[in-house]
Amino acid sequence: MGNFTFHETDIKGVYIIDVKTYGDARGYFMETYKESDFREAGLDYCFVQDNQSSSRRGVLRGLHFQKEHPQAKLVRVLSGEVFDVAVDLRQGSGTYGKWAGVILSGENHRQFMIPRGFAHGFLVLSDYAEFAYKCDELYHPEDEGGIIWNDPDIAIEWPYAGEMTLSEKDLRLPALAESKPFFTGGNQ
């Protein structure tokens, strides 16, 4: 598939994507998305919104999702390094409540494909990081939901021992056990 290598994680539908880069003394070039290659890999999404954020070391954003308007996300890091996580919230899934994570950086150019029905979050490991992602559904602020980042039942192994910075909103998110199942279609 040309410039992309797709690696499905232990959670069906979640992919780590390695991207071929072409470099010389001037720098590098790479394709970050090509619809036909993604479709050939079974990742048939129609992206409608691109987002970008910047954060400093120790910032943790997440674990977020939209309830009525779930989003699939193709995420990557432009500069710096983050640990990116997807948590399966698909009712009936054999991996419900399980997580997959990957280090994304401006150096490794990896991407992470997260289908609908997942909570998503990331932790900045470098001094500074710029994070970009494509979504297949528009953002609806009134539709936000989330799971607390340190839920012991999910037990994400965050690779960071320093002080973490979270928004007040993210600090008040419930645990998965305190929430109802969010999404159907666990056999996706």
N, C-alpha and C. Protein backbone atom coordinates (compact mmCIF):
# COMPACT_ATOMS: atom_id res chain seq x y z
N MET A 1 0.82 -1.19 0.00
CA MET A 1 0.00 0.00 0.00
C MET A 1 0.86 1.25 0.00
N GLY A 2 1.70 1.34 -0.94
CA GLY A 2 2.44 2.57 -1.17
C GLY A 2 3.25 3.05 0.01
N ASN A 3 2.85 4.19 0.54
CA ASN A 3 3.62 4.87 1.56
C ASN A 3 3.15 4.60 2.99
N PHE A 4 2.25 3.65 3.17
CA PHE A 4 1.70 3.37 4.49
C PHE A 4 1.80 1.88 4.81
N THR A 5 2.13 1.57 6.06
CA THR A 5 2.08 0.21 6.56
C THR A 5 1.11 0.21 7.73
N PHE A 6 0.06 -0.59 7.65
CA PHE A 6 -1.02 -0.62 8.63
C PHE A 6 -0.86 -1.82 9.55
N HIS A 7 -0.78 -1.55 10.86
CA HIS A 7 -0.62 -2.60 11.87
C HIS A 7 -1.85 -2.55 12.79
N GLU A 8 -2.72 -3.56 12.70
CA GLU A 8 -3.85 -3.59 13.60
C GLU A 8 -3.38 -3.98 15.00
N THR A 9 -3.88 -3.29 16.03
CA THR A 9 -3.51 -3.60 17.41
C THR A 9 -4.34 -4.79 17.88
N ASP A 10 -4.22 -5.10 19.15
CA ASP A 10 -5.02 -6.19 19.73
C ASP A 10 -6.50 -5.84 19.81
N ILE A 11 -6.83 -4.58 19.54
CA ILE A 11 -8.22 -4.15 19.56
C ILE A 11 -8.67 -3.93 18.11
N LYS A 12 -9.68 -4.67 17.71
CA LYS A 12 -10.16 -4.63 16.33
C LYS A 12 -10.52 -3.19 15.92
N GLY A 13 -9.98 -2.78 14.78
CA GLY A 13 -10.28 -1.47 14.22
C GLY A 13 -9.30 -0.38 14.60
N VAL A 14 -8.44 -0.62 15.60
CA VAL A 14 -7.45 0.37 16.02
C VAL A 14 -6.13 0.02 15.35
N TYR A 15 -5.58 0.98 14.61
CA TYR A 15 -4.37 0.74 13.82
C TYR A 15 -3.26 1.71 14.18
N ILE A 16 -2.04 1.19 14.21
CA ILE A 16 -0.83 2.01 14.21
C ILE A 16 -0.37 2.03 12.76
N ILE A 17 -0.10 3.21 12.25
CA ILE A 17 0.23 3.36 10.84
C ILE A 17 1.63 3.95 10.71
N ASP A 18 2.53 3.18 10.09
CA ASP A 18 3.86 3.70 9.79
C ASP A 18 3.82 4.35 8.42
N VAL A 19 4.46 5.50 8.33
CA VAL A 19 4.43 6.31 7.11
C VAL A 19 5.84 6.39 6.54
N LYS A 20 5.96 6.10 5.26
CA LYS A 20 7.26 6.19 4.59
C LYS A 20 7.60 7.66 4.38
N THR A 21 8.84 8.02 4.72
CA THR A 21 9.31 9.38 4.49
C THR A 21 10.45 9.35 3.48
N TYR A 22 10.56 10.43 2.75
CA TYR A 22 11.61 10.59 1.75
C TYR A 22 12.43 11.80 2.16
N GLY A 23 13.70 11.57 2.50
CA GLY A 23 14.51 12.66 2.99
C GLY A 23 15.82 12.82 2.27
N ASP A 24 16.34 14.02 2.36
CA ASP A 24 17.67 14.34 1.87
C ASP A 24 18.19 15.52 2.68
N ALA A 25 19.24 16.17 2.23
CA ALA A 25 19.86 17.26 2.98
C ALA A 25 18.90 18.43 3.22
N ARG A 26 17.85 18.54 2.42
CA ARG A 26 16.90 19.65 2.57
C ARG A 26 15.87 19.39 3.66
N GLY A 27 15.63 18.12 4.00
CA GLY A 27 14.59 17.77 4.96
C GLY A 27 13.89 16.51 4.51
N TYR A 28 12.57 16.47 4.63
CA TYR A 28 11.84 15.27 4.24
C TYR A 28 10.50 15.63 3.62
N PHE A 29 9.90 14.62 2.97
CA PHE A 29 8.55 14.71 2.43
C PHE A 29 7.85 13.41 2.79
N MET A 30 6.54 13.52 3.06
CA MET A 30 5.74 12.31 3.29
C MET A 30 4.29 12.60 3.00
N GLU A 31 3.57 11.58 2.58
CA GLU A 31 2.12 11.66 2.50
C GLU A 31 1.60 11.36 3.90
N THR A 32 0.62 12.13 4.36
CA THR A 32 0.05 11.85 5.67
C THR A 32 -1.29 11.14 5.56
N TYR A 33 -1.90 11.21 4.39
CA TYR A 33 -3.18 10.53 4.17
C TYR A 33 -3.40 10.40 2.67
N LYS A 34 -3.86 9.23 2.26
CA LYS A 34 -4.24 8.99 0.88
C LYS A 34 -5.46 8.08 0.91
N GLU A 35 -6.60 8.62 0.53
CA GLU A 35 -7.88 7.92 0.66
C GLU A 35 -7.84 6.51 0.07
N SER A 36 -7.27 6.36 -1.12
CA SER A 36 -7.28 5.04 -1.76
C SER A 36 -6.47 4.02 -0.98
N ASP A 37 -5.34 4.41 -0.40
CA ASP A 37 -4.53 3.48 0.40
C ASP A 37 -5.24 3.08 1.68
N PHE A 38 -5.87 4.05 2.32
CA PHE A 38 -6.61 3.74 3.55
C PHE A 38 -7.81 2.85 3.25
N ARG A 39 -8.51 3.15 2.18
CA ARG A 39 -9.68 2.32 1.81
C ARG A 39 -9.23 0.90 1.50
N GLU A 40 -8.12 0.73 0.78
CA GLU A 40 -7.60 -0.60 0.46
C GLU A 40 -7.26 -1.38 1.73
N ALA A 41 -6.87 -0.67 2.80
CA ALA A 41 -6.56 -1.32 4.09
C ALA A 41 -7.81 -1.57 4.92
N GLY A 42 -8.98 -1.19 4.39
CA GLY A 42 -10.23 -1.39 5.11
C GLY A 42 -10.61 -0.23 6.00
N LEU A 43 -9.91 0.88 5.88
CA LEU A 43 -10.17 2.07 6.69
C LEU A 43 -10.87 3.10 5.81
N ASP A 44 -12.17 2.93 5.69
CA ASP A 44 -12.96 3.74 4.76
C ASP A 44 -13.67 4.85 5.53
N TYR A 45 -12.99 5.98 5.67
CA TYR A 45 -13.53 7.11 6.42
C TYR A 45 -13.65 8.33 5.51
N CYS A 46 -14.61 9.16 5.82
CA CYS A 46 -14.77 10.44 5.15
C CYS A 46 -14.49 11.51 6.20
N PHE A 47 -13.29 12.07 6.19
CA PHE A 47 -12.91 13.05 7.19
C PHE A 47 -13.51 14.41 6.85
N VAL A 48 -14.07 15.08 7.87
CA VAL A 48 -14.78 16.34 7.66
C VAL A 48 -14.20 17.49 8.49
N GLN A 49 -13.25 17.20 9.38
CA GLN A 49 -12.70 18.26 10.22
C GLN A 49 -11.28 17.90 10.62
N ASP A 50 -10.38 18.87 10.53
CA ASP A 50 -9.00 18.72 11.00
C ASP A 50 -8.81 19.62 12.20
N ASN A 51 -8.10 19.11 13.23
CA ASN A 51 -7.83 19.87 14.45
C ASN A 51 -6.34 19.82 14.75
N GLN A 52 -5.87 20.81 15.48
CA GLN A 52 -4.48 20.86 15.90
C GLN A 52 -4.40 21.50 17.28
N SER A 53 -3.52 20.97 18.13
CA SER A 53 -3.31 21.56 19.45
C SER A 53 -1.83 21.57 19.77
N SER A 54 -1.46 22.40 20.73
CA SER A 54 -0.10 22.39 21.25
C SER A 54 -0.19 22.26 22.76
N SER A 55 0.78 21.58 23.34
CA SER A 55 0.80 21.35 24.78
C SER A 55 2.24 21.21 25.24
N ARG A 56 2.43 21.39 26.54
CA ARG A 56 3.77 21.25 27.12
C ARG A 56 3.88 19.91 27.86
N ARG A 57 5.09 19.60 28.28
CA ARG A 57 5.37 18.33 28.97
C ARG A 57 4.41 18.11 30.14
N GLY A 58 3.90 16.89 30.23
CA GLY A 58 3.05 16.51 31.35
C GLY A 58 1.57 16.82 31.16
N VAL A 59 1.22 17.51 30.07
CA VAL A 59 -0.19 17.78 29.82
C VAL A 59 -0.86 16.49 29.36
N LEU A 60 -1.97 16.16 30.01
CA LEU A 60 -2.76 15.00 29.62
C LEU A 60 -4.13 15.52 29.20
N ARG A 61 -4.51 15.21 27.97
CA ARG A 61 -5.82 15.59 27.43
C ARG A 61 -6.62 14.31 27.25
N GLY A 62 -7.75 14.21 27.93
CA GLY A 62 -8.59 13.04 27.76
C GLY A 62 -8.99 12.44 29.08
N LEU A 63 -9.66 11.40 28.96
CA LEU A 63 -10.05 10.55 27.83
C LEU A 63 -11.42 11.02 27.33
N HIS A 64 -11.51 11.46 26.10
CA HIS A 64 -12.71 12.12 25.56
C HIS A 64 -13.40 11.29 24.48
N PHE A 65 -14.69 11.58 24.31
CA PHE A 65 -15.47 11.05 23.19
C PHE A 65 -16.71 11.92 23.05
N GLN A 66 -17.44 11.72 21.96
CA GLN A 66 -18.74 12.35 21.77
C GLN A 66 -19.79 11.26 21.86
N LYS A 67 -20.90 11.54 22.57
CA LYS A 67 -21.91 10.52 22.88
C LYS A 67 -22.82 10.21 21.69
N GLU A 68 -23.45 11.21 21.15
CA GLU A 68 -24.43 11.03 20.07
C GLU A 68 -23.83 11.20 18.68
N HIS A 69 -22.68 11.82 18.61
CA HIS A 69 -21.99 12.07 17.34
C HIS A 69 -20.55 11.55 17.44
N PRO A 70 -20.37 10.22 17.60
CA PRO A 70 -19.01 9.70 17.79
C PRO A 70 -18.12 10.01 16.60
N GLN A 71 -16.84 10.15 16.90
CA GLN A 71 -15.85 10.50 15.88
C GLN A 71 -14.80 9.40 15.75
N ALA A 72 -14.48 9.05 14.50
CA ALA A 72 -13.26 8.31 14.23
C ALA A 72 -12.18 9.37 14.08
N LYS A 73 -10.96 9.04 14.52
CA LYS A 73 -9.87 10.01 14.48
C LYS A 73 -8.61 9.36 13.92
N LEU A 74 -7.95 10.09 13.06
CA LEU A 74 -6.61 9.74 12.57
C LEU A 74 -5.68 10.78 13.18
N VAL A 75 -4.83 10.35 14.14
CA VAL A 75 -4.03 11.29 14.91
C VAL A 75 -2.54 11.13 14.60
N ARG A 76 -1.82 12.26 14.75
CA ARG A 76 -0.37 12.25 14.55
C ARG A 76 0.24 13.43 15.27
N VAL A 77 1.55 13.39 15.45
CA VAL A 77 2.29 14.46 16.10
C VAL A 77 3.17 15.14 15.06
N LEU A 78 3.09 16.47 15.02
CA LEU A 78 3.89 17.25 14.08
C LEU A 78 5.28 17.52 14.64
N SER A 79 5.36 17.82 15.94
CA SER A 79 6.64 18.01 16.61
C SER A 79 6.49 17.60 18.06
N GLY A 80 7.57 17.08 18.62
CA GLY A 80 7.54 16.60 19.98
C GLY A 80 7.15 15.13 20.04
N GLU A 81 6.70 14.71 21.24
CA GLU A 81 6.37 13.30 21.45
C GLU A 81 5.23 13.18 22.45
N VAL A 82 4.27 12.30 22.14
CA VAL A 82 3.14 12.03 23.03
C VAL A 82 2.93 10.52 23.13
N PHE A 83 2.27 10.13 24.21
CA PHE A 83 1.75 8.77 24.35
C PHE A 83 0.26 8.88 24.10
N ASP A 84 -0.22 8.23 23.04
CA ASP A 84 -1.60 8.35 22.62
C ASP A 84 -2.35 7.06 22.95
N VAL A 85 -3.61 7.21 23.41
CA VAL A 85 -4.37 6.07 23.92
C VAL A 85 -5.79 6.07 23.36
N ALA A 86 -6.28 4.87 23.06
CA ALA A 86 -7.68 4.65 22.68
C ALA A 86 -8.25 3.59 23.62
N VAL A 87 -9.45 3.85 24.16
CA VAL A 87 -10.12 2.91 25.07
C VAL A 87 -11.42 2.47 24.42
N ASP A 88 -11.61 1.17 24.30
CA ASP A 88 -12.79 0.59 23.66
C ASP A 88 -14.02 0.77 24.55
N LEU A 89 -15.02 1.49 24.05
CA LEU A 89 -16.29 1.71 24.76
C LEU A 89 -17.46 1.10 24.00
N ARG A 90 -17.18 0.17 23.10
CA ARG A 90 -18.25 -0.44 22.29
C ARG A 90 -18.89 -1.58 23.07
N GLN A 91 -20.14 -1.36 23.42
CA GLN A 91 -20.89 -2.37 24.16
C GLN A 91 -20.92 -3.67 23.35
N GLY A 92 -20.64 -4.78 23.99
CA GLY A 92 -20.64 -6.06 23.32
C GLY A 92 -19.31 -6.44 22.70
N SER A 93 -18.36 -5.54 22.74
CA SER A 93 -17.03 -5.83 22.19
C SER A 93 -16.29 -6.77 23.13
N GLY A 94 -15.54 -7.68 22.59
CA GLY A 94 -14.71 -8.56 23.39
C GLY A 94 -13.56 -7.82 24.06
N THR A 95 -13.32 -6.57 23.65
CA THR A 95 -12.24 -5.78 24.25
C THR A 95 -12.80 -4.53 24.95
N TYR A 96 -14.08 -4.57 25.32
CA TYR A 96 -14.70 -3.43 26.03
C TYR A 96 -13.88 -3.08 27.27
N GLY A 97 -13.54 -1.79 27.42
CA GLY A 97 -12.77 -1.33 28.57
C GLY A 97 -11.27 -1.53 28.45
N LYS A 98 -10.82 -2.15 27.36
CA LYS A 98 -9.39 -2.35 27.13
C LYS A 98 -8.83 -1.14 26.38
N TRP A 99 -7.52 -0.96 26.46
CA TRP A 99 -6.89 0.17 25.81
C TRP A 99 -5.73 -0.27 24.91
N ALA A 100 -5.44 0.57 23.94
CA ALA A 100 -4.26 0.42 23.09
C ALA A 100 -3.55 1.76 23.11
N GLY A 101 -2.23 1.73 23.14
CA GLY A 101 -1.47 2.97 23.18
C GLY A 101 -0.23 2.88 22.30
N VAL A 102 0.25 4.07 21.91
CA VAL A 102 1.42 4.14 21.04
C VAL A 102 2.12 5.48 21.26
N ILE A 103 3.42 5.48 21.15
CA ILE A 103 4.16 6.73 21.17
C ILE A 103 4.17 7.29 19.75
N LEU A 104 3.70 8.50 19.63
CA LEU A 104 3.70 9.24 18.36
C LEU A 104 4.67 10.40 18.51
N SER A 105 5.45 10.66 17.46
CA SER A 105 6.38 11.78 17.56
C SER A 105 6.62 12.39 16.18
N GLY A 106 7.18 13.58 16.22
CA GLY A 106 7.60 14.24 15.00
C GLY A 106 8.75 13.51 14.33
N GLU A 107 9.42 12.67 15.09
CA GLU A 107 10.55 11.88 14.57
C GLU A 107 10.08 10.58 13.92
N ASN A 108 9.17 9.84 14.57
CA ASN A 108 8.79 8.53 14.03
C ASN A 108 7.66 8.62 13.00
N HIS A 109 6.97 9.76 12.91
CA HIS A 109 5.93 10.01 11.91
C HIS A 109 4.78 9.00 11.95
N ARG A 110 4.67 8.24 13.02
CA ARG A 110 3.57 7.26 13.13
C ARG A 110 2.24 7.98 13.27
N GLN A 111 1.19 7.24 12.89
CA GLN A 111 -0.16 7.73 13.07
C GLN A 111 -0.96 6.65 13.80
N PHE A 112 -2.09 7.06 14.38
CA PHE A 112 -2.93 6.16 15.15
C PHE A 112 -4.35 6.35 14.64
N MET A 113 -4.97 5.26 14.16
CA MET A 113 -6.34 5.30 13.65
C MET A 113 -7.26 4.75 14.73
N ILE A 114 -8.17 5.61 15.19
CA ILE A 114 -9.10 5.26 16.26
C ILE A 114 -10.51 5.32 15.69
N PRO A 115 -11.21 4.19 15.63
CA PRO A 115 -12.56 4.20 15.06
C PRO A 115 -13.57 4.82 16.03
N ARG A 116 -14.79 4.96 15.56
CA ARG A 116 -15.88 5.42 16.42
C ARG A 116 -16.09 4.41 17.55
N GLY A 117 -16.56 4.90 18.69
CA GLY A 117 -16.83 4.01 19.81
C GLY A 117 -15.68 3.91 20.80
N PHE A 118 -14.75 4.83 20.74
CA PHE A 118 -13.59 4.82 21.62
C PHE A 118 -13.44 6.15 22.34
N ALA A 119 -12.92 6.09 23.56
CA ALA A 119 -12.44 7.29 24.23
C ALA A 119 -10.99 7.48 23.78
N HIS A 120 -10.57 8.74 23.73
CA HIS A 120 -9.23 9.06 23.24
C HIS A 120 -8.56 10.05 24.18
N GLY A 121 -7.27 9.87 24.37
CA GLY A 121 -6.49 10.82 25.14
C GLY A 121 -5.02 10.71 24.81
N PHE A 122 -4.27 11.73 25.22
CA PHE A 122 -2.82 11.67 25.03
C PHE A 122 -2.10 12.44 26.12
N LEU A 123 -0.85 12.04 26.36
CA LEU A 123 0.03 12.63 27.36
C LEU A 123 1.29 13.10 26.66
N VAL A 124 1.68 14.36 26.89
CA VAL A 124 2.87 14.92 26.24
C VAL A 124 4.11 14.49 27.02
N LEU A 125 5.05 13.86 26.32
CA LEU A 125 6.28 13.36 26.92
C LEU A 125 7.47 14.28 26.69
N SER A 126 7.43 15.11 25.66
CA SER A 126 8.51 16.02 25.33
C SER A 126 8.25 17.39 25.97
N ASP A 127 9.20 18.31 25.87
CA ASP A 127 9.01 19.65 26.42
C ASP A 127 7.79 20.34 25.83
N TYR A 128 7.53 20.06 24.56
CA TYR A 128 6.45 20.70 23.82
C TYR A 128 6.03 19.75 22.71
N ALA A 129 4.76 19.75 22.36
CA ALA A 129 4.30 18.90 21.26
C ALA A 129 3.17 19.60 20.51
N GLU A 130 3.17 19.42 19.20
CA GLU A 130 2.06 19.84 18.35
C GLU A 130 1.39 18.58 17.85
N PHE A 131 0.08 18.52 18.03
CA PHE A 131 -0.72 17.33 17.79
C PHE A 131 -1.77 17.68 16.75
N ALA A 132 -1.97 16.80 15.75
CA ALA A 132 -2.96 17.06 14.70
C ALA A 132 -3.81 15.82 14.50
N TYR A 133 -5.10 16.05 14.17
CA TYR A 133 -5.95 14.90 13.91
C TYR A 133 -7.10 15.26 12.98
N LYS A 134 -7.47 14.24 12.21
CA LYS A 134 -8.60 14.31 11.30
C LYS A 134 -9.78 13.59 11.97
N CYS A 135 -10.98 14.12 11.80
CA CYS A 135 -12.19 13.53 12.38
C CYS A 135 -13.21 13.28 11.29
N ASP A 136 -13.98 12.19 11.44
CA ASP A 136 -15.01 11.89 10.45
C ASP A 136 -16.39 12.41 10.87
N GLU A 137 -16.44 13.19 11.94
CA GLU A 137 -17.67 13.84 12.40
C GLU A 137 -17.28 15.19 12.99
N LEU A 138 -18.15 16.17 12.85
CA LEU A 138 -17.87 17.49 13.39
C LEU A 138 -17.88 17.46 14.92
N TYR A 139 -17.17 18.40 15.51
CA TYR A 139 -17.14 18.55 16.96
C TYR A 139 -18.43 19.20 17.43
N HIS A 140 -19.05 18.60 18.46
CA HIS A 140 -20.27 19.12 19.07
C HIS A 140 -19.98 19.29 20.56
N PRO A 141 -19.70 20.52 21.03
CA PRO A 141 -19.31 20.71 22.44
C PRO A 141 -20.34 20.22 23.44
N GLU A 142 -21.61 20.30 23.10
CA GLU A 142 -22.67 19.86 24.02
C GLU A 142 -22.75 18.34 24.13
N ASP A 143 -22.02 17.63 23.30
CA ASP A 143 -22.10 16.18 23.19
C ASP A 143 -20.90 15.47 23.84
N GLU A 144 -20.06 16.24 24.52
CA GLU A 144 -18.83 15.68 25.09
C GLU A 144 -19.11 14.67 26.20
N GLY A 145 -18.28 13.66 26.24
CA GLY A 145 -18.27 12.69 27.31
C GLY A 145 -16.83 12.33 27.62
N GLY A 146 -16.62 11.59 28.69
CA GLY A 146 -15.26 11.20 29.00
C GLY A 146 -15.19 10.20 30.13
N ILE A 147 -14.01 9.64 30.28
CA ILE A 147 -13.66 8.69 31.32
C ILE A 147 -12.41 9.23 32.00
N ILE A 148 -12.31 9.10 33.31
CA ILE A 148 -11.15 9.59 34.04
C ILE A 148 -9.87 8.87 33.57
N TRP A 149 -8.80 9.61 33.47
CA TRP A 149 -7.54 9.14 32.90
C TRP A 149 -6.89 8.01 33.69
N ASN A 150 -7.14 7.96 35.00
CA ASN A 150 -6.46 6.97 35.85
C ASN A 150 -7.42 5.91 36.40
N ASP A 151 -8.45 5.61 35.65
CA ASP A 151 -9.43 4.59 36.06
C ASP A 151 -8.69 3.27 36.32
N PRO A 152 -8.78 2.74 37.55
CA PRO A 152 -8.04 1.50 37.86
C PRO A 152 -8.55 0.28 37.10
N ASP A 153 -9.80 0.30 36.66
CA ASP A 153 -10.32 -0.84 35.90
C ASP A 153 -9.76 -0.87 34.47
N ILE A 154 -9.44 0.29 33.94
CA ILE A 154 -8.83 0.36 32.60
C ILE A 154 -7.32 0.16 32.73
N ALA A 155 -6.72 0.76 33.74
CA ALA A 155 -5.30 0.58 34.09
C ALA A 155 -4.34 0.91 32.95
N ILE A 156 -4.49 2.10 32.40
CA ILE A 156 -3.55 2.56 31.35
C ILE A 156 -2.17 2.73 31.97
N GLU A 157 -1.17 2.23 31.29
CA GLU A 157 0.21 2.33 31.75
C GLU A 157 0.85 3.58 31.14
N TRP A 158 0.58 4.74 31.74
CA TRP A 158 1.12 6.00 31.25
C TRP A 158 2.63 6.02 31.48
N PRO A 159 3.44 6.25 30.45
CA PRO A 159 4.91 6.17 30.60
C PRO A 159 5.52 7.49 31.06
N TYR A 160 5.10 7.95 32.24
CA TYR A 160 5.54 9.26 32.70
C TYR A 160 5.41 9.29 34.21
N ALA A 161 6.46 9.73 34.89
CA ALA A 161 6.43 9.75 36.35
C ALA A 161 6.36 11.17 36.91
N GLY A 162 6.36 12.17 36.04
CA GLY A 162 6.34 13.56 36.49
C GLY A 162 4.94 14.04 36.82
N GLU A 163 4.86 15.32 37.15
CA GLU A 163 3.57 15.93 37.45
C GLU A 163 2.76 16.10 36.17
N MET A 164 1.50 15.71 36.23
CA MET A 164 0.61 15.82 35.07
C MET A 164 -0.29 17.03 35.24
N THR A 165 -0.60 17.65 34.11
CA THR A 165 -1.49 18.81 34.09
C THR A 165 -2.73 18.43 33.31
N LEU A 166 -3.89 18.51 33.97
CA LEU A 166 -5.18 18.22 33.34
C LEU A 166 -6.10 19.41 33.52
N SER A 167 -7.08 19.54 32.65
CA SER A 167 -8.10 20.57 32.80
C SER A 167 -8.99 20.20 33.98
N GLU A 168 -9.67 21.20 34.55
CA GLU A 168 -10.62 20.93 35.63
C GLU A 168 -11.70 19.96 35.17
N LYS A 169 -12.12 20.13 33.92
CA LYS A 169 -13.16 19.24 33.35
C LYS A 169 -12.66 17.79 33.33
N ASP A 170 -11.43 17.58 32.89
CA ASP A 170 -10.89 16.22 32.79
C ASP A 170 -10.67 15.60 34.17
N LEU A 171 -10.38 16.41 35.17
CA LEU A 171 -10.19 15.89 36.53
C LEU A 171 -11.51 15.40 37.15
N ARG A 172 -12.64 15.86 36.62
CA ARG A 172 -13.95 15.49 37.17
C ARG A 172 -14.65 14.38 36.37
N LEU A 173 -13.99 13.80 35.39
CA LEU A 173 -14.63 12.76 34.59
C LEU A 173 -14.86 11.51 35.43
N PRO A 174 -15.93 10.77 35.13
CA PRO A 174 -16.24 9.56 35.91
C PRO A 174 -15.37 8.36 35.49
N ALA A 175 -15.37 7.35 36.33
CA ALA A 175 -14.75 6.07 35.98
C ALA A 175 -15.69 5.33 35.04
N LEU A 176 -15.15 4.38 34.32
CA LEU A 176 -15.95 3.59 33.38
C LEU A 176 -17.08 2.85 34.12
N ALA A 177 -16.81 2.30 35.30
CA ALA A 177 -17.82 1.55 36.05
C ALA A 177 -18.99 2.42 36.50
N GLU A 178 -18.77 3.73 36.59
CA GLU A 178 -19.81 4.67 37.00
C GLU A 178 -20.63 5.16 35.81
N SER A 179 -20.30 4.68 34.64
CA SER A 179 -20.94 5.15 33.42
C SER A 179 -21.70 4.01 32.77
N LYS A 180 -22.67 4.37 31.97
CA LYS A 180 -23.38 3.36 31.20
C LYS A 180 -22.55 3.02 29.96
N PRO A 181 -22.76 1.85 29.38
CA PRO A 181 -22.07 1.57 28.11
C PRO A 181 -22.47 2.63 27.08
N PHE A 182 -21.52 3.08 26.33
CA PHE A 182 -21.75 4.23 25.48
C PHE A 182 -22.13 3.88 24.04
N PHE A 183 -21.48 2.92 23.47
CA PHE A 183 -21.66 2.68 22.04
C PHE A 183 -22.04 1.24 21.77
N THR A 184 -22.90 1.01 20.80
CA THR A 184 -23.21 -0.34 20.35
C THR A 184 -22.29 -0.67 19.20
N GLY A 185 -22.38 -1.87 18.72
CA GLY A 185 -21.55 -2.24 17.56
C GLY A 185 -20.21 -2.79 17.94
N GLY A 186 -20.14 -3.56 19.00
CA GLY A 186 -18.88 -4.12 19.45
C GLY A 186 -18.26 -5.11 18.50
N ASN A 187 -18.99 -5.56 17.52
CA ASN A 187 -18.43 -6.52 16.56
C ASN A 187 -17.88 -5.84 15.33
N GLN A 188 -17.71 -4.54 15.40
CA GLN A 188 -17.20 -3.77 14.25
C GLN A 188 -15.80 -4.18 13.91
